[in-house]
Protein backbone atom coordinates (compact mmCIF):
# COMPACT_ATOMS: atom_id res chain seq x y z
CA MET A 1 5.07 -4.40 -5.77
CA SER A 2 4.55 -7.97 -4.65
CA THR A 3 1.29 -9.77 -3.97
CA ALA A 4 0.53 -10.97 -0.45
CA VAL A 5 -1.41 -14.13 0.27
CA ILE A 6 -3.26 -14.05 3.59
CA GLN A 7 -5.08 -17.22 4.63
CA HIS A 8 -8.58 -16.24 5.73
CA GLU A 9 -11.70 -18.37 5.53
CA ALA A 10 -14.15 -16.03 7.29
CA ILE A 11 -16.04 -14.92 4.24
CA GLY A 12 -14.31 -16.10 1.16
CA ILE A 13 -11.34 -13.74 0.89
CA ALA A 14 -8.06 -15.64 0.71
CA GLN A 15 -5.97 -13.15 -1.19
CA VAL A 16 -5.49 -9.46 -0.47
CA SER A 17 -3.50 -7.63 -3.10
CA TYR A 18 -0.11 -5.93 -3.14
CA SER A 19 1.76 -6.93 0.04
CA VAL A 20 -0.74 -6.01 2.73
CA ARG A 21 1.81 -6.79 5.41
CA GLU A 22 4.24 -4.30 3.90
CA PHE A 23 1.44 -1.74 3.68
CA PHE A 24 0.44 -2.06 7.33
CA ARG A 25 3.99 -1.83 8.61
CA SER A 26 3.91 1.84 7.61
CA VAL A 27 0.42 2.61 8.94
CA GLU A 28 -0.14 4.19 12.32
CA ARG A 29 -3.40 3.99 14.23
CA ASP A 30 -6.30 6.27 13.29
CA VAL A 31 -5.00 7.09 9.81
CA THR A 32 -6.63 4.43 7.68
CA MET A 33 -9.82 4.99 5.72
CA ALA A 34 -12.02 2.77 3.60
CA ILE A 35 -13.98 4.52 0.89
CA LEU A 36 -16.82 2.32 -0.31
CA HIS A 37 -19.00 2.99 -3.29
CA ALA A 38 -22.00 0.95 -4.42
CA TYR A 39 -22.25 0.44 -8.15
CA PHE A 40 -25.52 -0.87 -9.55
CA ASP A 41 -26.47 1.61 -12.25
CA ASP A 42 -24.74 0.26 -15.33
CA SER A 43 -26.20 1.51 -18.60
CA GLY A 44 -26.52 -2.09 -19.79
CA ASP A 45 -28.39 -3.21 -16.69
CA PRO A 46 -30.87 -0.43 -15.84
CA ARG A 47 -33.21 -2.74 -13.91
CA HIS A 48 -30.51 -4.24 -11.70
CA GLU A 49 -31.15 -7.65 -13.25
CA GLN A 50 -27.57 -8.84 -13.76
CA TYR A 51 -25.24 -7.94 -10.89
CA MET A 52 -25.05 -5.67 -7.89
CA ALA A 53 -21.60 -4.81 -6.65
CA VAL A 54 -19.94 -2.88 -3.88
CA GLY A 55 -16.42 -1.75 -4.62
CA GLY A 56 -14.05 0.69 -3.07
CA LEU A 57 -10.61 1.67 -1.93
CA ILE A 58 -8.70 1.33 1.31
CA GLY A 59 -5.58 3.23 2.32
CA THR A 60 -4.10 5.88 4.57
CA ASP A 61 -5.16 9.49 4.90
CA GLN A 62 -1.97 10.49 3.10
CA GLN A 63 -2.74 8.20 0.19
CA PHE A 64 -6.20 9.72 -0.14
CA THR A 65 -4.73 13.21 0.10
CA ASP A 66 -2.39 12.33 -2.76
CA LEU A 67 -5.37 10.98 -4.70
CA ASP A 68 -7.31 14.22 -4.14
CA ILE A 69 -4.48 16.33 -5.50
CA MET A 70 -3.80 14.26 -8.61
CA TRP A 71 -7.43 13.40 -9.33
CA GLY A 72 -8.50 17.00 -8.87
CA SER A 73 -5.85 18.16 -11.30
CA ALA A 74 -6.82 15.55 -13.91
CA THR A 75 -10.54 16.40 -13.69
CA TYR A 76 -10.20 20.16 -13.13
CA ASP A 77 -12.00 21.11 -16.35
CA LEU A 78 -15.03 18.86 -15.76
CA LYS A 79 -18.28 20.62 -14.93
CA GLU A 80 -19.60 17.73 -12.84
CA PRO A 81 -18.07 14.95 -10.71
CA PHE A 82 -16.41 12.25 -12.80
CA ARG A 83 -18.44 9.10 -13.50
CA SER A 84 -16.64 6.28 -15.22
CA THR A 85 -19.71 5.00 -17.09
CA GLU A 86 -20.35 8.42 -18.62
CA CYS A 87 -16.73 8.82 -19.64
CA GLU A 88 -16.42 5.40 -21.24
CA THR A 89 -19.75 5.61 -23.09
CA GLN A 90 -19.50 9.33 -23.95
CA HIS A 91 -22.72 10.28 -22.19
CA GLY A 92 -23.56 13.12 -19.82
CA GLN A 93 -20.83 15.73 -19.67
CA PHE A 94 -18.71 13.65 -22.08
CA GLU A 95 -21.27 13.63 -24.87
CA GLU A 96 -19.30 16.12 -26.97
CA TRP A 97 -15.89 14.63 -26.21
CA ASP A 98 -13.83 12.68 -28.72
CA LYS A 99 -13.44 9.02 -27.84
CA LYS A 100 -9.65 9.34 -27.72
CA ASP A 101 -9.94 12.13 -25.14
CA CYS A 102 -12.27 10.03 -22.97
CA ASP A 103 -9.88 7.10 -23.21
CA ALA A 104 -6.92 9.31 -22.30
CA LEU A 105 -8.72 10.61 -19.19
CA MET A 106 -9.64 7.09 -18.11
CA ARG A 107 -6.02 5.96 -18.51
CA ARG A 108 -4.79 8.90 -16.47
CA LEU A 109 -7.23 8.24 -13.62
CA VAL A 110 -6.36 4.55 -13.53
CA GLU A 111 -2.69 5.55 -13.38
CA ILE A 112 -3.44 7.82 -10.41
CA ILE A 113 -5.03 4.96 -8.46
CA TYR A 114 -2.00 2.82 -9.27
CA GLN A 115 0.44 5.55 -8.21
CA THR A 116 -1.23 6.07 -4.83
CA ARG A 117 -1.02 2.31 -4.13
CA LEU A 118 -4.55 2.32 -2.75
CA HIS A 119 -6.04 -1.15 -2.44
CA GLY A 120 -9.28 -1.88 -4.30
CA PHE A 121 -11.85 -4.45 -3.21
CA GLY A 122 -15.05 -5.54 -4.96
CA SER A 123 -17.87 -7.85 -3.91
CA ILE A 124 -20.28 -8.86 -6.67
CA VAL A 125 -23.64 -10.60 -6.24
CA PRO A 126 -25.39 -12.15 -9.27
CA VAL A 127 -28.95 -10.83 -8.99
CA ALA A 128 -30.78 -13.65 -10.80
CA GLU A 129 -28.99 -16.34 -8.76
CA TYR A 130 -29.67 -14.41 -5.55
CA ARG A 131 -33.40 -14.21 -6.30
CA ARG A 132 -33.57 -17.90 -7.14
CA VAL A 133 -31.97 -18.78 -3.81
CA PHE A 134 -33.88 -16.10 -1.89
CA PRO A 135 -37.19 -15.76 -3.80
CA GLY A 136 -38.66 -13.20 -1.39
CA ALA A 137 -35.75 -10.78 -1.77
CA LYS A 138 -36.42 -7.04 -2.02
CA GLU A 139 -34.93 -4.84 -4.75
CA TYR A 140 -31.66 -3.90 -3.03
CA ASP A 141 -31.09 -7.03 -0.93
CA PRO A 142 -28.29 -8.31 -3.22
CA TYR A 143 -26.52 -4.98 -2.72
CA PHE A 144 -26.80 -5.22 1.05
CA LEU A 145 -25.20 -8.68 0.98
CA ALA A 146 -22.31 -7.25 -1.03
CA LEU A 147 -22.06 -4.39 1.47
CA ARG A 148 -21.95 -6.75 4.46
CA HIS A 149 -19.34 -8.85 2.70
CA THR A 150 -17.21 -5.79 2.01
CA LEU A 151 -17.49 -4.34 5.52
CA ILE A 152 -16.55 -7.67 7.10
CA ASN A 153 -13.47 -7.96 4.91
CA VAL A 154 -12.49 -4.32 5.44
CA ALA A 155 -12.70 -4.93 9.19
CA TYR A 156 -10.51 -8.00 8.77
CA ILE A 157 -7.92 -5.96 6.89
CA GLY A 158 -7.94 -3.45 9.76
CA ALA A 159 -7.45 -6.24 12.27
CA VAL A 160 -4.44 -7.80 10.51
CA ARG A 161 -1.49 -8.47 12.84
CA ASN A 162 2.12 -8.84 11.79
CA SER A 163 5.44 -9.32 13.49
CA ASP A 164 6.25 -5.60 13.50
CA ARG A 165 3.15 -4.18 15.15
CA ALA A 166 0.10 -5.21 17.16
CA GLY A 167 -3.31 -3.73 17.64
CA ILE A 168 -6.17 -2.88 15.32
CA ILE A 169 -6.09 -0.18 12.68
CA ASP A 170 -9.18 2.01 12.70
CA ILE A 171 -11.18 1.95 9.48
CA ARG A 172 -13.50 4.86 8.70
CA THR A 173 -15.98 4.00 5.99
CA VAL A 174 -17.64 6.41 3.58
CA CYS A 175 -20.41 5.49 1.14
CA GLU A 176 -21.99 7.58 -1.56
CA ASP A 177 -25.10 9.34 -0.33
CA SER A 178 -28.15 7.66 -1.85
CA GLU A 179 -31.81 8.36 -1.13
CA ALA A 180 -32.60 4.72 -1.92
CA THR A 181 -29.98 2.96 0.21
CA SER A 182 -28.07 5.26 2.62
CA ASN A 183 -30.28 4.75 5.70
CA ALA A 184 -30.33 0.98 5.24
CA ALA A 185 -26.58 0.92 4.61
CA LYS A 186 -26.04 2.72 7.94
CA ARG A 187 -28.20 0.10 9.66
CA VAL A 188 -26.07 -2.65 8.09
CA TYR A 189 -22.97 -0.97 9.50
CA ASP A 190 -24.51 -0.43 12.96
CA GLU A 191 -25.66 -4.06 13.16
CA LEU A 192 -22.15 -5.30 12.38
CA LYS A 193 -20.57 -2.82 14.77
CA SER A 194 -22.78 -3.98 17.64
CA PHE A 195 -22.69 -7.71 16.87
CA ASP A 196 -21.46 -9.55 19.99
CA GLY A 197 -18.70 -12.08 19.61
CA TRP A 198 -17.19 -10.59 16.45
CA ILE A 199 -13.81 -9.22 17.46
CA TRP A 200 -13.03 -7.63 14.09
CA LYS A 201 -15.81 -5.08 14.67
CA LYS A 202 -13.28 -3.11 16.72
CA ALA A 203 -11.67 -2.01 13.47
CA LEU A 204 -14.86 -0.31 12.29
CA ALA A 205 -14.35 3.26 13.50
CA GLY A 206 -17.11 5.24 11.83
CA PHE A 207 -19.59 5.40 8.97
CA SER A 208 -20.64 8.40 6.92
CA THR A 209 -22.01 9.32 3.52
CA ALA A 210 -20.82 11.92 1.06
CA SER A 211 -21.63 13.20 -2.41
CA LYS A 212 -19.78 12.37 -5.59
CA LYS A 213 -17.87 15.64 -5.17
CA LEU A 214 -15.54 13.62 -2.95
CA MET A 215 -12.64 12.59 -5.19
CA ALA A 216 -12.23 9.25 -3.45
CA LEU A 217 -15.83 8.34 -4.23
CA GLN A 218 -15.23 9.10 -7.88
CA ALA A 219 -12.25 6.75 -7.79
CA SER A 220 -14.26 4.13 -5.90
CA ASP A 221 -16.95 4.36 -8.55
CA MET A 222 -14.35 3.22 -11.04
CA ILE A 223 -13.31 0.25 -8.88
CA ALA A 224 -16.94 -0.76 -8.29
CA ARG A 225 -17.78 -0.52 -11.97
CA GLU A 226 -14.71 -2.55 -12.94
CA ALA A 227 -15.75 -5.25 -10.47
CA TYR A 228 -19.23 -5.26 -12.00
CA LYS A 229 -17.95 -5.32 -15.57
CA HIS A 230 -15.40 -8.03 -14.80
CA ALA A 231 -18.17 -10.33 -13.59
CA ALA A 232 -20.39 -9.47 -16.56
CA ASN A 233 -17.57 -10.16 -19.05
CA ILE A 234 -16.48 -13.58 -17.76
CA GLY A 235 -16.40 -16.00 -20.68
CA ILE A 236 -17.41 -13.26 -23.10
CA ARG A 237 -14.65 -10.65 -23.24
CA LYS A 238 -11.06 -10.40 -22.09
CA THR A 239 -10.02 -8.64 -18.91
CA ARG A 240 -10.56 -4.91 -19.23
CA LYS A 241 -7.59 -2.56 -19.52
CA PRO A 242 -8.15 -0.77 -16.16
CA VAL A 243 -8.13 -4.12 -14.34
CA LYS A 244 -4.99 -5.22 -16.17
CA ALA A 245 -3.29 -1.99 -15.07
CA LEU A 246 -4.46 -2.41 -11.46
CA HIS A 247 -4.34 -6.20 -11.15
CA ARG A 248 -1.78 -6.07 -8.34
CA ASN A 249 -3.87 -3.54 -6.43
CA VAL A 250 -7.37 -5.00 -6.64
CA SER A 251 -9.26 -8.13 -5.67
CA PHE A 252 -12.79 -9.01 -6.80
CA HIS A 253 -15.03 -11.62 -5.19
CA LEU A 254 -18.02 -13.00 -7.05
CA TRP A 255 -20.69 -14.85 -5.10
CA THR A 256 -21.57 -18.21 -6.68
CA ARG A 257 -24.83 -20.16 -6.57
CA ASP A 258 -23.19 -22.69 -4.21
CA ALA A 259 -22.02 -19.94 -1.84
CA LEU A 260 -25.48 -18.35 -1.80
CA GLU A 261 -27.13 -21.71 -1.06
CA TYR A 262 -24.63 -22.33 1.74
CA LEU A 263 -25.53 -18.93 3.20
CA ARG A 264 -29.25 -19.72 2.90
CA ASP A 265 -28.80 -22.99 4.79
CA ALA A 266 -26.61 -21.31 7.42
CA GLY A 267 -29.22 -18.71 8.35
CA GLY A 268 -29.72 -16.44 5.35
CA PRO A 269 -28.21 -13.18 4.04
CA ASN A 270 -29.05 -11.27 7.25
CA SER A 271 -27.37 -13.81 9.51
CA LEU A 272 -24.37 -11.99 10.93
CA LEU A 273 -23.34 -15.16 12.73
CA ALA A 274 -23.12 -17.04 9.43
CA LEU A 275 -21.29 -14.22 7.66
CA THR A 276 -18.77 -13.39 10.39
CA THR A 277 -17.91 -17.04 11.12
CA TRP A 278 -17.86 -18.15 7.48
CA GLY A 279 -15.81 -21.34 7.25
CA GLN A 280 -14.61 -21.19 10.84
CA THR A 281 -17.02 -23.79 12.17
CA GLY A 282 -18.72 -26.84 10.71
CA VAL A 283 -18.50 -27.82 7.05
CA ASN A 284 -16.14 -25.81 4.87
CA PRO A 285 -18.17 -23.45 2.67
CA PRO A 286 -17.99 -23.49 -1.13
CA GLN A 287 -15.45 -21.11 -2.60
CA MET A 288 -16.46 -17.89 -4.28
CA SER A 289 -14.92 -16.92 -7.60
CA ARG A 290 -11.95 -14.78 -6.58
CA PHE A 291 -9.83 -12.63 -8.82
CA TRP A 292 -6.58 -11.00 -7.73
CA GLY A 293 -3.10 -10.42 -9.06
CA PRO A 294 -1.95 -13.29 -11.28
CA THR A 295 -5.39 -14.94 -11.28
CA PHE A 296 -6.67 -12.25 -13.65
CA ASP A 297 -6.39 -13.21 -17.30
CA LEU A 298 -3.79 -10.71 -18.52
CA SER A 299 -3.47 -12.02 -22.09
């Protein structure tokens, strides 16, 4: 698999992994789905003080069907839906498991994501920096910025044109059902969908929530957690093994202090005009920290 480079300054994504153009040549209308999962419950960050991240997967219905079959087989003996944090730390239903068995299951599930060729995307917001730039922020506001960022980029992916086909691919989005955030997440989606002047909104073809029983949400949990952990480990630990295995299939985007300040000065985190026209007018915005393909440290 090769890595595509798509020039796009709208909200900081300049690279989309594993030949997106090749992927979309084989995609018909109404068969593409984005499964998004919010990850902000890391055992090392119980108060949401370090990062909030939204991560997920995008691909065709057939790819997600393949994922369901293989993932379901690999997790058949589990009593509860798979959670990557529990498996890696041997908590919850994995408390009595041997570490080698947990590691083997993690490797198998990472392999399944790789085999399906689903594309993973992660947006990560540093909570402390966000609150310094936006001192009146509420508890989940950093998460909602990551969600807006992700939805805008997912819509862009759905609106990609190439020489072989025209039109917009419909993207259906699914988030994990959460008492704390689901209603607000739906409002974020509805606001973007109804925002005048943003042509990419045509790619957004539906929003729903589901429980962790959905296999794709279990897989998206892994992508979201890896995005979170990658940001937390920068300058401290090497790239994690799941990211090394999936480096051609995932891209992570970490908001920087400069990018947050630019957003503040351009209207704030709720400004859909600022977010959907990022870098298209006026002064070029500061670059986020972006990780994809060969830019991951694979040593």
